[in-house]
Amino acid sequence: MKLLLVEDDEALYTTLQRSLTRLGWAMEVCSDGRAALGRWRALKPDVVMLDLSLPGRDGLQILQQARNEGLTTPVLIITARGTVGDRVQGLNAGADDYLPKPFDLDELEARLRALYRRHAESYTESASSPGRASAISYDKESGAIYHAGQILDLAPRELTFLKALLAKPGQAVAKERLFELVFPGQQDVQFEAIEVVAYRLRKKLHDTGATLTTLRGLGYLLKLPA
């Protein structure tokens, strides 16, 4: 495995480089946020480990630009910014996994192997069956929904709505059930609010090939591309 670590803590990256090299992995370190994208493009790593608090440029900005450029390398964010909000922000920016500092080296190794394996399997499937590469899928471990290897940028209510539909692809889910899931215990919210969530979600699914259909009297149905 070829790794790129974008991290400015010298003690940490020295430890990681020593530990991961012992596993037979090749690892390069970039400690400057301004140089990170150039190293990423040149190295073509199998996995990128990315800190968020970097000199020169924030890690989220690096990640967003990389995804905008079409760089699909799996990214594991390692950072001291470990709140739920930080995690969601990182995943929405295009990260594949998130590991708050301090972390255990064995857990880091396991997550790196999982990212590498999942990416390799995805690449093999896309080569043999291009249609599957564009499928929408839900990753239970991260809580994110992917399309063509990229995390869909969804608001929390849109994410909950789509997860409920993905649990029953090709089957109608009652509007009442979706309302309970999307607006749990919120008695002051009007029932029609679920239609607003559906409308916004439908727009975000436009380029995925998936179709969100309204079935009068039944609810909503998600049709995935073949």
C-alpha atoms as a PDB file:
ATOM      1  CA  MET A   1       0.000   0.000   0.000  1.00  0.00           C
ATOM      2  CA  LYS A   2       1.236   3.478  -0.882  1.00  0.00           C
ATOM      3  CA  LEU A   3       0.238   6.103   1.675  1.00  0.00           C
ATOM      4  CA  LEU A   4       0.348   9.889   1.787  1.00  0.00           C
ATOM      5  CA  LEU A   5       0.207  11.465   5.254  1.00  0.00           C
ATOM      6  CA  VAL A   6      -0.629  15.174   5.361  1.00  0.00           C
ATOM      7  CA  GLU A   7       0.290  16.119   8.928  1.00  0.00           C
ATOM      8  CA  ASP A   8       2.410  18.845  10.552  1.00  0.00           C
ATOM      9  CA  ASP A   9       2.978  17.212  13.959  1.00  0.00           C
ATOM     10  CA  GLU A  10       6.546  15.956  13.630  1.00  0.00           C
ATOM     11  CA  ALA A  11       6.360  13.565  16.592  1.00  0.00           C
ATOM     12  CA  LEU A  12       3.191  11.984  15.223  1.00  0.00           C
ATOM     13  CA  TYR A  13       4.271  11.627  11.602  1.00  0.00           C
ATOM     14  CA  THR A  14       7.655  10.233  12.656  1.00  0.00           C
ATOM     15  CA  THR A  15       5.919   7.589  14.777  1.00  0.00           C
ATOM     16  CA  LEU A  16       3.432   6.721  12.050  1.00  0.00           C
ATOM     17  CA  GLN A  17       6.085   6.527   9.370  1.00  0.00           C
ATOM     18  CA  ARG A  18       8.162   4.160  11.476  1.00  0.00           C
ATOM     19  CA  SER A  19       5.202   1.983  12.486  1.00  0.00           C
ATOM     20  CA  LEU A  20       3.536   1.720   9.078  1.00  0.00           C
ATOM     21  CA  THR A  21       6.799   1.175   7.215  1.00  0.00           C
ATOM     22  CA  ARG A  22       7.359  -1.883   9.386  1.00  0.00           C
ATOM     23  CA  LEU A  23       4.160  -3.304   7.898  1.00  0.00           C
ATOM     24  CA  GLY A  24       5.714  -3.092   4.456  1.00  0.00           C
ATOM     25  CA  TRP A  25       3.797   0.007   3.386  1.00  0.00           C
ATOM     26  CA  ALA A  26       5.406   2.940   1.599  1.00  0.00           C
ATOM     27  CA  MET A  27       4.548   6.284   3.155  1.00  0.00           C
ATOM     28  CA  GLU A  28       5.341   9.868   2.263  1.00  0.00           C
ATOM     29  CA  VAL A  29       4.746  12.847   4.525  1.00  0.00           C
ATOM     30  CA  CYS A  30       3.643  16.356   3.599  1.00  0.00           C
ATOM     31  CA  SER A  31       3.579  18.851   6.481  1.00  0.00           C
ATOM     32  CA  ASP A  32       2.469  21.932   4.525  1.00  0.00           C
ATOM     33  CA  GLY A  33      -1.169  22.368   3.472  1.00  0.00           C
ATOM     34  CA  ARG A  34      -0.128  24.461   0.477  1.00  0.00           C
ATOM     35  CA  ALA A  35       1.938  21.623  -0.987  1.00  0.00           C
ATOM     36  CA  ALA A  36      -0.457  18.794  -0.187  1.00  0.00           C
ATOM     37  CA  LEU A  37      -2.418  18.708  -3.445  1.00  0.00           C
ATOM     38  CA  GLY A  38       0.737  18.732  -5.554  1.00  0.00           C
ATOM     39  CA  ARG A  39       2.133  15.773  -3.614  1.00  0.00           C
ATOM     40  CA  TRP A  40      -1.216  13.996  -3.884  1.00  0.00           C
ATOM     41  CA  ARG A  41      -1.321  14.373  -7.670  1.00  0.00           C
ATOM     42  CA  ALA A  42       2.316  13.338  -8.119  1.00  0.00           C
ATOM     43  CA  LEU A  43       2.331  10.360  -5.738  1.00  0.00           C
ATOM     44  CA  LYS A  44      -1.042   8.850  -6.713  1.00  0.00           C
ATOM     45  CA  PRO A  45      -1.355   7.153  -3.306  1.00  0.00           C
ATOM     46  CA  ASP A  46      -3.660   4.279  -2.437  1.00  0.00           C
ATOM     47  CA  VAL A  47      -4.890   6.069   0.701  1.00  0.00           C
ATOM     48  CA  VAL A  48      -4.473   9.625   2.019  1.00  0.00           C
ATOM     49  CA  MET A  49      -4.344  10.347   5.751  1.00  0.00           C
ATOM     50  CA  LEU A  50      -5.297  13.991   6.199  1.00  0.00           C
ATOM     51  CA  ASP A  51      -5.081  16.271   9.197  1.00  0.00           C
ATOM     52  CA  LEU A  52      -7.474  19.228   9.226  1.00  0.00           C
ATOM     53  CA  SER A  53      -5.424  21.842  11.107  1.00  0.00           C
ATOM     54  CA  LEU A  54      -2.484  22.465   8.792  1.00  0.00           C
ATOM     55  CA  PRO A  55      -0.146  25.392   8.174  1.00  0.00           C
ATOM     56  CA  GLY A  56      -0.810  27.211   4.918  1.00  0.00           C
ATOM     57  CA  ARG A  57      -4.159  25.646   4.117  1.00  0.00           C
ATOM     58  CA  ASP A  58      -6.981  23.934   5.972  1.00  0.00           C
ATOM     59  CA  GLY A  59      -7.414  20.208   5.403  1.00  0.00           C
ATOM     60  CA  LEU A  60     -11.081  20.528   4.418  1.00  0.00           C
ATOM     61  CA  GLN A  61     -10.152  22.973   1.657  1.00  0.00           C
ATOM     62  CA  ILE A  62      -7.547  20.520   0.364  1.00  0.00           C
ATOM     63  CA  LEU A  63     -10.075  17.691   0.384  1.00  0.00           C
ATOM     64  CA  GLN A  64     -12.791  19.688  -1.360  1.00  0.00           C
ATOM     65  CA  GLN A  65     -10.447  20.790  -4.140  1.00  0.00           C
ATOM     66  CA  ALA A  66      -9.154  17.250  -4.587  1.00  0.00           C
ATOM     67  CA  ARG A  67     -12.682  15.926  -5.011  1.00  0.00           C
ATOM     68  CA  ASN A  68     -13.559  18.781  -7.365  1.00  0.00           C
ATOM     69  CA  GLU A  69     -10.558  17.797  -9.491  1.00  0.00           C
ATOM     70  CA  GLY A  70     -11.774  14.212  -9.648  1.00  0.00           C
ATOM     71  CA  LEU A  71      -9.195  12.695  -7.281  1.00  0.00           C
ATOM     72  CA  THR A  72     -10.991   9.638  -5.885  1.00  0.00           C
ATOM     73  CA  THR A  73      -8.277   8.368  -3.529  1.00  0.00           C
ATOM     74  CA  PRO A  74      -9.788   7.126  -0.242  1.00  0.00           C
ATOM     75  CA  VAL A  75      -9.223   9.695   2.515  1.00  0.00           C
ATOM     76  CA  LEU A  76      -8.973   9.031   6.237  1.00  0.00           C
ATOM     77  CA  ILE A  77      -9.185  12.231   8.272  1.00  0.00           C
ATOM     78  CA  ILE A  78      -7.062  12.150  11.440  1.00  0.00           C
ATOM     79  CA  THR A  79      -7.579  15.188  13.625  1.00  0.00           C
ATOM     80  CA  ALA A  80      -8.067  16.511  17.126  1.00  0.00           C
ATOM     81  CA  ARG A  81     -11.255  18.183  15.888  1.00  0.00           C
ATOM     82  CA  GLY A  82     -13.427  15.217  16.796  1.00  0.00           C
ATOM     83  CA  THR A  83     -16.904  16.610  17.464  1.00  0.00           C
ATOM     84  CA  VAL A  84     -19.926  15.223  15.643  1.00  0.00           C
ATOM     85  CA  GLY A  85     -20.154  18.454  13.654  1.00  0.00           C
ATOM     86  CA  ASP A  86     -16.520  18.159  12.569  1.00  0.00           C
ATOM     87  CA  ARG A  87     -17.071  14.537  11.564  1.00  0.00           C
ATOM     88  CA  VAL A  88     -20.138  15.365   9.480  1.00  0.00           C
ATOM     89  CA  GLN A  89     -18.351  18.303   7.864  1.00  0.00           C
ATOM     90  CA  GLY A  90     -15.382  16.115   6.939  1.00  0.00           C
ATOM     91  CA  LEU A  91     -17.535  13.347   5.486  1.00  0.00           C
ATOM     92  CA  ASN A  92     -19.611  15.832   3.517  1.00  0.00           C
ATOM     93  CA  ALA A  93     -16.420  17.331   2.101  1.00  0.00           C
ATOM     94  CA  GLY A  94     -15.521  13.946   0.616  1.00  0.00           C
ATOM     95  CA  ALA A  95     -13.721  11.978   3.331  1.00  0.00           C
ATOM     96  CA  ASP A  96     -14.211   8.219   3.474  1.00  0.00           C
ATOM     97  CA  ASP A  97     -13.507   7.769   7.184  1.00  0.00           C
ATOM     98  CA  TYR A  98     -12.726   9.846  10.274  1.00  0.00           C
ATOM     99  CA  LEU A  99     -10.442   8.964  13.180  1.00  0.00           C
ATOM    100  CA  PRO A 100     -10.169  11.442  16.088  1.00  0.00           C
ATOM    101  CA  LYS A 101      -6.826  11.936  17.850  1.00  0.00           C
ATOM    102  CA  PRO A 102      -5.461  10.359  19.946  1.00  0.00           C
ATOM    103  CA  PHE A 103      -5.979   6.983  18.304  1.00  0.00           C
ATOM    104  CA  ASP A 104      -4.693   3.445  18.640  1.00  0.00           C
ATOM    105  CA  LEU A 105      -2.216   2.267  15.999  1.00  0.00           C
ATOM    106  CA  ASP A 106      -4.007  -1.056  15.616  1.00  0.00           C
ATOM    107  CA  GLU A 107      -7.270   0.756  14.865  1.00  0.00           C
ATOM    108  CA  LEU A 108      -5.505   3.006  12.376  1.00  0.00           C
ATOM    109  CA  GLU A 109      -4.047  -0.025  10.617  1.00  0.00           C
ATOM    110  CA  ALA A 110      -7.452  -1.726  10.456  1.00  0.00           C
ATOM    111  CA  ARG A 111      -9.127   1.362   8.996  1.00  0.00           C
ATOM    112  CA  LEU A 112      -6.402   1.847   6.401  1.00  0.00           C
ATOM    113  CA  ARG A 113      -6.687  -1.770   5.296  1.00  0.00           C
ATOM    114  CA  ALA A 114     -10.489  -1.469   5.091  1.00  0.00           C
ATOM    115  CA  LEU A 115     -10.280   1.678   2.951  1.00  0.00           C
ATOM    116  CA  TYR A 116      -7.690   0.123   0.663  1.00  0.00           C
ATOM    117  CA  ARG A 117      -9.698  -3.090   0.269  1.00  0.00           C
ATOM    118  CA  ARG A 118     -12.990  -1.295  -0.332  1.00  0.00           C
ATOM    119  CA  HIS A 119     -11.442   0.996  -2.934  1.00  0.00           C
ATOM    120  CA  ALA A 120      -9.741  -1.930  -4.696  1.00  0.00           C
ATOM    121  CA  GLU A 121     -13.007  -3.888  -4.795  1.00  0.00           C
ATOM    122  CA  SER A 122     -14.870  -0.845  -6.113  1.00  0.00           C
ATOM    123  CA  TYR A 123     -12.280  -0.371  -8.851  1.00  0.00           C
ATOM    124  CA  THR A 124     -12.546  -4.036  -9.890  1.00  0.00           C
ATOM    125  CA  GLU A 125     -16.343  -3.896  -9.991  1.00  0.00           C
ATOM    126  CA  SER A 126     -16.366  -0.701 -12.041  1.00  0.00           C
ATOM    127  CA  ALA A 127     -13.974  -2.190 -14.575  1.00  0.00           C
ATOM    128  CA  SER A 128     -16.089  -5.323 -15.043  1.00  0.00           C
ATOM    129  CA  SER A 129     -19.508  -3.696 -14.641  1.00  0.00           C
ATOM    130  CA  PRO A 130     -19.555   0.063 -15.217  1.00  0.00           C
ATOM    131  CA  GLY A 131     -23.189   0.364 -14.180  1.00  0.00           C
ATOM    132  CA  ARG A 132     -22.430  -0.762 -10.639  1.00  0.00           C
ATOM    133  CA  ALA A 133     -19.848   1.987 -10.148  1.00  0.00           C
ATOM    134  CA  SER A 134     -22.567   4.599 -10.406  1.00  0.00           C
ATOM    135  CA  ALA A 135     -24.867   2.917  -7.878  1.00  0.00           C
ATOM    136  CA  ILE A 136     -26.046   4.660  -4.746  1.00  0.00           C
ATOM    137  CA  SER A 137     -24.996   2.912  -1.552  1.00  0.00           C
ATOM    138  CA  TYR A 138     -25.203   3.483   2.191  1.00  0.00           C
ATOM    139  CA  ASP A 139     -22.102   2.951   4.344  1.00  0.00           C
ATOM    140  CA  LYS A 140     -23.305   1.933   7.818  1.00  0.00           C
ATOM    141  CA  GLU A 141     -19.856   2.472   9.331  1.00  0.00           C
ATOM    142  CA  SER A 142     -19.550   6.132   8.358  1.00  0.00           C
ATOM    143  CA  GLY A 143     -23.267   6.914   8.068  1.00  0.00           C
ATOM    144  CA  ALA A 144     -22.719   8.431   4.622  1.00  0.00           C
ATOM    145  CA  ILE A 145     -24.437   7.741   1.305  1.00  0.00           C
ATOM    146  CA  TYR A 146     -22.231   7.362  -1.764  1.00  0.00           C
ATOM    147  CA  HIS A 147     -22.727   7.774  -5.493  1.00  0.00           C
ATOM    148  CA  ALA A 148     -19.950   6.742  -7.894  1.00  0.00           C
ATOM    149  CA  GLY A 149     -17.485   6.599  -4.996  1.00  0.00           C
ATOM    150  CA  GLN A 150     -18.282  10.103  -3.758  1.00  0.00           C
ATOM    151  CA  ILE A 151     -20.298  11.111  -0.707  1.00  0.00           C
ATOM    152  CA  LEU A 152     -23.595  12.747  -1.596  1.00  0.00           C
ATOM    153  CA  ASP A 153     -23.883  16.227  -0.097  1.00  0.00           C
ATOM    154  CA  LEU A 154     -27.120  15.839   1.852  1.00  0.00           C
ATOM    155  CA  ALA A 155     -28.652  17.768   4.719  1.00  0.00           C
ATOM    156  CA  PRO A 156     -29.434  15.599   7.799  1.00  0.00           C
ATOM    157  CA  ARG A 157     -33.160  15.377   6.970  1.00  0.00           C
ATOM    158  CA  GLU A 158     -32.442  14.508   3.341  1.00  0.00           C
ATOM    159  CA  LEU A 159     -30.000  11.837   4.530  1.00  0.00           C
ATOM    160  CA  THR A 160     -32.610  10.293   6.840  1.00  0.00           C
ATOM    161  CA  PHE A 161     -35.222  10.374   4.070  1.00  0.00           C
ATOM    162  CA  LEU A 162     -32.940   8.671   1.547  1.00  0.00           C
ATOM    163  CA  LYS A 163     -31.722   6.041   4.035  1.00  0.00           C
ATOM    164  CA  ALA A 164     -35.340   4.995   4.631  1.00  0.00           C
ATOM    165  CA  LEU A 165     -35.921   4.622   0.890  1.00  0.00           C
ATOM    166  CA  LEU A 166     -32.657   2.730   0.348  1.00  0.00           C
ATOM    167  CA  ALA A 167     -33.755   0.218   2.970  1.00  0.00           C
ATOM    168  CA  LYS A 168     -36.644  -0.697   0.633  1.00  0.00           C
ATOM    169  CA  PRO A 169     -35.506  -0.045  -2.941  1.00  0.00           C
ATOM    170  CA  GLY A 170     -38.308  -0.371  -5.439  1.00  0.00           C
ATOM    171  CA  GLN A 171     -40.915  -0.338  -2.675  1.00  0.00           C
ATOM    172  CA  ALA A 172     -43.118   2.543  -1.581  1.00  0.00           C
ATOM    173  CA  VAL A 173     -42.497   4.031   1.864  1.00  0.00           C
ATOM    174  CA  ALA A 174     -45.512   5.729   3.420  1.00  0.00           C
ATOM    175  CA  LYS A 175     -45.341   9.501   3.769  1.00  0.00           C
ATOM    176  CA  GLU A 176     -46.419   9.160   7.422  1.00  0.00           C
ATOM    177  CA  ARG A 177     -43.510   6.822   8.161  1.00  0.00           C
ATOM    178  CA  LEU A 178     -41.039   9.138   6.494  1.00  0.00           C
ATOM    179  CA  PHE A 179     -42.409  12.097   8.439  1.00  0.00           C
ATOM    180  CA  GLU A 180     -41.864  10.213  11.727  1.00  0.00           C
ATOM    181  CA  LEU A 181     -38.265   9.431  10.775  1.00  0.00           C
ATOM    182  CA  VAL A 182     -37.351  12.850   9.399  1.00  0.00           C
ATOM    183  CA  PHE A 183     -39.131  14.949  12.058  1.00  0.00           C
ATOM    184  CA  PRO A 184     -39.082  12.716  15.166  1.00  0.00           C
ATOM    185  CA  GLY A 185     -41.199  14.126  17.989  1.00  0.00           C
ATOM    186  CA  GLN A 186     -41.541  17.529  16.300  1.00  0.00           C
ATOM    187  CA  GLN A 187     -45.283  18.078  16.726  1.00  0.00           C
ATOM    188  CA  ASP A 188     -45.037  21.735  15.723  1.00  0.00           C
ATOM    189  CA  VAL A 189     -43.904  20.827  12.185  1.00  0.00           C
ATOM    190  CA  GLN A 190     -46.621  20.682   9.536  1.00  0.00           C
ATOM    191  CA  PHE A 191     -47.094  17.379   7.725  1.00  0.00           C
ATOM    192  CA  GLU A 192     -46.462  19.023   4.339  1.00  0.00           C
ATOM    193  CA  ALA A 193     -42.864  19.732   5.399  1.00  0.00           C
ATOM    194  CA  ILE A 194     -41.941  16.229   4.244  1.00  0.00           C
ATOM    195  CA  GLU A 195     -42.747  17.315   0.688  1.00  0.00           C
ATOM    196  CA  VAL A 196     -40.144  20.064   0.941  1.00  0.00           C
ATOM    197  CA  VAL A 197     -37.508  17.519   1.962  1.00  0.00           C
ATOM    198  CA  ALA A 198     -38.554  15.265  -0.930  1.00  0.00           C
ATOM    199  CA  TYR A 199     -38.312  18.168  -3.374  1.00  0.00           C
ATOM    200  CA  ARG A 200     -34.779  19.079  -2.253  1.00  0.00           C
ATOM    201  CA  LEU A 201     -33.660  15.464  -2.294  1.00  0.00           C
ATOM    202  CA  ARG A 202     -35.091  14.933  -5.778  1.00  0.00           C
ATOM    203  CA  LYS A 203     -32.952  17.819  -7.070  1.00  0.00           C
ATOM    204  CA  LYS A 204     -29.794  16.359  -5.518  1.00  0.00           C
ATOM    205  CA  LEU A 205     -30.494  12.950  -7.043  1.00  0.00           C
ATOM    206  CA  HIS A 206     -30.977  14.424 -10.521  1.00  0.00           C
ATOM    207  CA  ASP A 207     -27.513  13.492 -11.823  1.00  0.00           C
ATOM    208  CA  THR A 208     -27.288  10.081 -10.126  1.00  0.00           C
ATOM    209  CA  GLY A 209     -29.727   8.213 -12.371  1.00  0.00           C
ATOM    210  CA  ALA A 210     -31.960   7.478  -9.369  1.00  0.00           C
ATOM    211  CA  THR A 211     -35.592   8.571  -9.485  1.00  0.00           C
ATOM    212  CA  LEU A 212     -37.665   9.674  -6.500  1.00  0.00           C
ATOM    213  CA  THR A 213     -41.307   9.082  -7.374  1.00  0.00           C
ATOM    214  CA  THR A 214     -44.376  10.324  -5.508  1.00  0.00           C
ATOM    215  CA  LEU A 215     -47.148   7.723  -5.356  1.00  0.00           C
ATOM    216  CA  ARG A 216     -50.400   9.379  -4.389  1.00  0.00           C
ATOM    217  CA  GLY A 217     -51.963   7.686  -1.412  1.00  0.00           C
ATOM    218  CA  LEU A 218     -48.928   5.442  -0.909  1.00  0.00           C
ATOM    219  CA  GLY A 219     -45.890   7.622  -0.301  1.00  0.00           C
ATOM    220  CA  TYR A 220     -42.521   7.763  -2.033  1.00  0.00           C
ATOM    221  CA  LEU A 221     -40.580   5.199  -4.035  1.00  0.00           C
ATOM    222  CA  LEU A 222     -36.909   5.195  -5.011  1.00  0.00           C
ATOM    223  CA  LYS A 223     -35.958   3.683  -8.364  1.00  0.00           C
ATOM    224  CA  LEU A 224     -32.244   2.953  -8.715  1.00  0.00           C
ATOM    225  CA  PRO A 225     -30.473   2.721 -12.092  1.00  0.00           C
ATOM    226  CA  ALA A 226     -30.050  -0.816 -13.408  1.00  0.00           C
END
